[in-house]
Amino acid sequence: MLLLNGYLRSVNGFIRASENISYHVAAGNISRELLGEWISAVLRGLEDDEALKLRILNAIANDRA
Protein backbone atom coordinates (compact mmCIF):
# COMPACT_ATOMS: atom_id res chain seq x y z
CA MET A 1 0.00 0.00 0.00
CA LEU A 2 2.71 2.49 0.97
CA LEU A 3 4.89 1.65 -2.03
CA LEU A 4 2.02 1.88 -4.49
CA ASN A 5 0.92 5.26 -3.16
CA GLY A 6 4.32 6.94 -3.28
CA TYR A 7 5.32 6.75 0.39
CA LEU A 8 8.60 4.93 -0.22
CA ARG A 9 10.48 6.99 2.39
CA SER A 10 8.03 5.87 5.07
CA VAL A 11 8.19 2.12 4.47
CA ASN A 12 11.18 1.32 6.72
CA GLY A 13 9.83 3.23 9.71
CA PHE A 14 6.35 1.88 9.22
CA ILE A 15 7.40 -1.77 9.04
CA ARG A 16 9.73 -1.48 12.02
CA ALA A 17 7.22 0.23 14.27
CA SER A 18 4.04 -1.46 13.05
CA GLU A 19 5.11 -4.82 14.43
CA ASN A 20 5.09 -3.44 17.97
CA ILE A 21 2.01 -1.28 17.46
CA SER A 22 -0.05 -4.10 15.96
CA TYR A 23 0.34 -6.21 19.09
CA HIS A 24 -1.05 -3.43 21.29
CA VAL A 25 -3.87 -2.67 18.84
CA ALA A 26 -4.89 -6.34 18.90
CA ALA A 27 -4.74 -6.35 22.70
CA GLY A 28 -7.05 -3.33 22.78
CA ASN A 29 -4.47 -1.01 24.36
CA ILE A 30 -4.28 1.43 21.45
CA SER A 31 -7.50 2.99 20.22
CA ARG A 32 -8.51 3.34 16.60
CA GLU A 33 -8.05 7.12 16.85
CA LEU A 34 -4.54 6.82 18.24
CA LEU A 35 -3.67 4.26 15.57
CA GLY A 36 -4.88 6.70 12.92
CA GLU A 37 -2.73 9.46 14.40
CA TRP A 38 0.29 7.17 14.36
CA ILE A 39 -0.24 6.09 10.74
CA SER A 40 -0.71 9.71 9.69
CA ALA A 41 2.50 10.70 11.49
CA VAL A 42 4.45 7.91 9.77
CA LEU A 43 3.16 8.96 6.35
CA ARG A 44 4.16 12.57 7.03
CA GLY A 45 7.58 11.52 8.35
CA LEU A 46 6.74 12.71 11.87
CA GLU A 47 6.84 9.36 13.70
CA ASP A 48 9.39 10.83 16.13
CA ASP A 49 6.82 13.28 17.55
CA GLU A 50 7.34 13.18 21.32
CA ALA A 51 3.71 13.98 22.16
CA LEU A 52 2.51 11.09 20.02
CA LYS A 53 5.06 8.73 21.55
CA LEU A 54 3.89 9.71 25.03
CA ARG A 55 0.23 9.09 24.14
CA ILE A 56 1.15 5.64 22.81
CA LEU A 57 3.25 4.84 25.88
CA ASN A 58 0.44 5.98 28.19
CA ALA A 59 -2.04 3.78 26.32
CA ILE A 60 0.26 0.79 26.69
CA ALA A 61 1.11 1.55 30.33
CA ASN A 62 -2.53 2.01 31.35
CA ASP A 63 -3.23 -1.57 30.37
CA ARG A 64 -0.41 -2.86 32.54
CA ALA A 65 -1.47 -0.93 35.64
C-alpha atoms as a PDB file:
ATOM      1  CA  MET A   1       0.000   0.000   0.000  1.00  0.00           C
ATOM      2  CA  LEU A   2       2.713   2.485   0.971  1.00  0.00           C
ATOM      3  CA  LEU A   3       4.891   1.652  -2.026  1.00  0.00           C
ATOM      4  CA  LEU A   4       2.019   1.883  -4.489  1.00  0.00           C
ATOM      5  CA  ASN A   5       0.924   5.261  -3.162  1.00  0.00           C
ATOM      6  CA  GLY A   6       4.320   6.944  -3.278  1.00  0.00           C
ATOM      7  CA  TYR A   7       5.317   6.748   0.392  1.00  0.00           C
ATOM      8  CA  LEU A   8       8.599   4.926  -0.218  1.00  0.00           C
ATOM      9  CA  ARG A   9      10.475   6.992   2.392  1.00  0.00           C
ATOM     10  CA  SER A  10       8.026   5.872   5.074  1.00  0.00           C
ATOM     11  CA  VAL A  11       8.192   2.124   4.470  1.00  0.00           C
ATOM     12  CA  ASN A  12      11.175   1.321   6.718  1.00  0.00           C
ATOM     13  CA  GLY A  13       9.830   3.234   9.708  1.00  0.00           C
ATOM     14  CA  PHE A  14       6.346   1.882   9.222  1.00  0.00           C
ATOM     15  CA  ILE A  15       7.402  -1.766   9.039  1.00  0.00           C
ATOM     16  CA  ARG A  16       9.731  -1.477  12.023  1.00  0.00           C
ATOM     17  CA  ALA A  17       7.217   0.229  14.266  1.00  0.00           C
ATOM     18  CA  SER A  18       4.042  -1.464  13.048  1.00  0.00           C
ATOM     19  CA  GLU A  19       5.107  -4.817  14.425  1.00  0.00           C
ATOM     20  CA  ASN A  20       5.094  -3.439  17.975  1.00  0.00           C
ATOM     21  CA  ILE A  21       2.015  -1.278  17.461  1.00  0.00           C
ATOM     22  CA  SER A  22      -0.048  -4.104  15.961  1.00  0.00           C
ATOM     23  CA  TYR A  23       0.340  -6.207  19.088  1.00  0.00           C
ATOM     24  CA  HIS A  24      -1.054  -3.433  21.286  1.00  0.00           C
ATOM     25  CA  VAL A  25      -3.872  -2.673  18.837  1.00  0.00           C
ATOM     26  CA  ALA A  26      -4.885  -6.344  18.898  1.00  0.00           C
ATOM     27  CA  ALA A  27      -4.741  -6.352  22.699  1.00  0.00           C
ATOM     28  CA  GLY A  28      -7.046  -3.325  22.784  1.00  0.00           C
ATOM     29  CA  ASN A  29      -4.475  -1.007  24.358  1.00  0.00           C
ATOM     30  CA  ILE A  30      -4.277   1.435  21.453  1.00  0.00           C
ATOM     31  CA  SER A  31      -7.504   2.992  20.216  1.00  0.00           C
ATOM     32  CA  ARG A  32      -8.513   3.345  16.596  1.00  0.00           C
ATOM     33  CA  GLU A  33      -8.053   7.116  16.854  1.00  0.00           C
ATOM     34  CA  LEU A  34      -4.536   6.818  18.241  1.00  0.00           C
ATOM     35  CA  LEU A  35      -3.666   4.262  15.567  1.00  0.00           C
ATOM     36  CA  GLY A  36      -4.884   6.704  12.918  1.00  0.00           C
ATOM     37  CA  GLU A  37      -2.735   9.463  14.398  1.00  0.00           C
ATOM     38  CA  TRP A  38       0.291   7.172  14.362  1.00  0.00           C
ATOM     39  CA  ILE A  39      -0.238   6.089  10.741  1.00  0.00           C
ATOM     40  CA  SER A  40      -0.711   9.709   9.695  1.00  0.00           C
ATOM     41  CA  ALA A  41       2.503  10.705  11.485  1.00  0.00           C
ATOM     42  CA  VAL A  42       4.449   7.914   9.766  1.00  0.00           C
ATOM     43  CA  LEU A  43       3.158   8.958   6.353  1.00  0.00           C
ATOM     44  CA  ARG A  44       4.162  12.566   7.033  1.00  0.00           C
ATOM     45  CA  GLY A  45       7.577  11.519   8.345  1.00  0.00           C
ATOM     46  CA  LEU A  46       6.740  12.705  11.868  1.00  0.00           C
ATOM     47  CA  GLU A  47       6.838   9.362  13.697  1.00  0.00           C
ATOM     48  CA  ASP A  48       9.393  10.832  16.127  1.00  0.00           C
ATOM     49  CA  ASP A  49       6.823  13.276  17.548  1.00  0.00           C
ATOM     50  CA  GLU A  50       7.343  13.185  21.316  1.00  0.00           C
ATOM     51  CA  ALA A  51       3.714  13.979  22.160  1.00  0.00           C
ATOM     52  CA  LEU A  52       2.506  11.088  20.015  1.00  0.00           C
ATOM     53  CA  LYS A  53       5.058   8.733  21.547  1.00  0.00           C
ATOM     54  CA  LEU A  54       3.886   9.709  25.026  1.00  0.00           C
ATOM     55  CA  ARG A  55       0.233   9.089  24.143  1.00  0.00           C
ATOM     56  CA  ILE A  56       1.154   5.641  22.808  1.00  0.00           C
ATOM     57  CA  LEU A  57       3.249   4.837  25.881  1.00  0.00           C
ATOM     58  CA  ASN A  58       0.435   5.981  28.190  1.00  0.00           C
ATOM     59  CA  ALA A  59      -2.041   3.781  26.320  1.00  0.00           C
ATOM     60  CA  ILE A  60       0.262   0.785  26.690  1.00  0.00           C
ATOM     61  CA  ALA A  61       1.112   1.547  30.326  1.00  0.00           C
ATOM     62  CA  ASN A  62      -2.531   2.009  31.353  1.00  0.00           C
ATOM     63  CA  ASP A  63      -3.233  -1.570  30.366  1.00  0.00           C
ATOM     64  CA  ARG A  64      -0.409  -2.862  32.545  1.00  0.00           C
ATOM     65  CA  ALA A  65      -1.470  -0.931  35.640  1.00  0.00           C
END
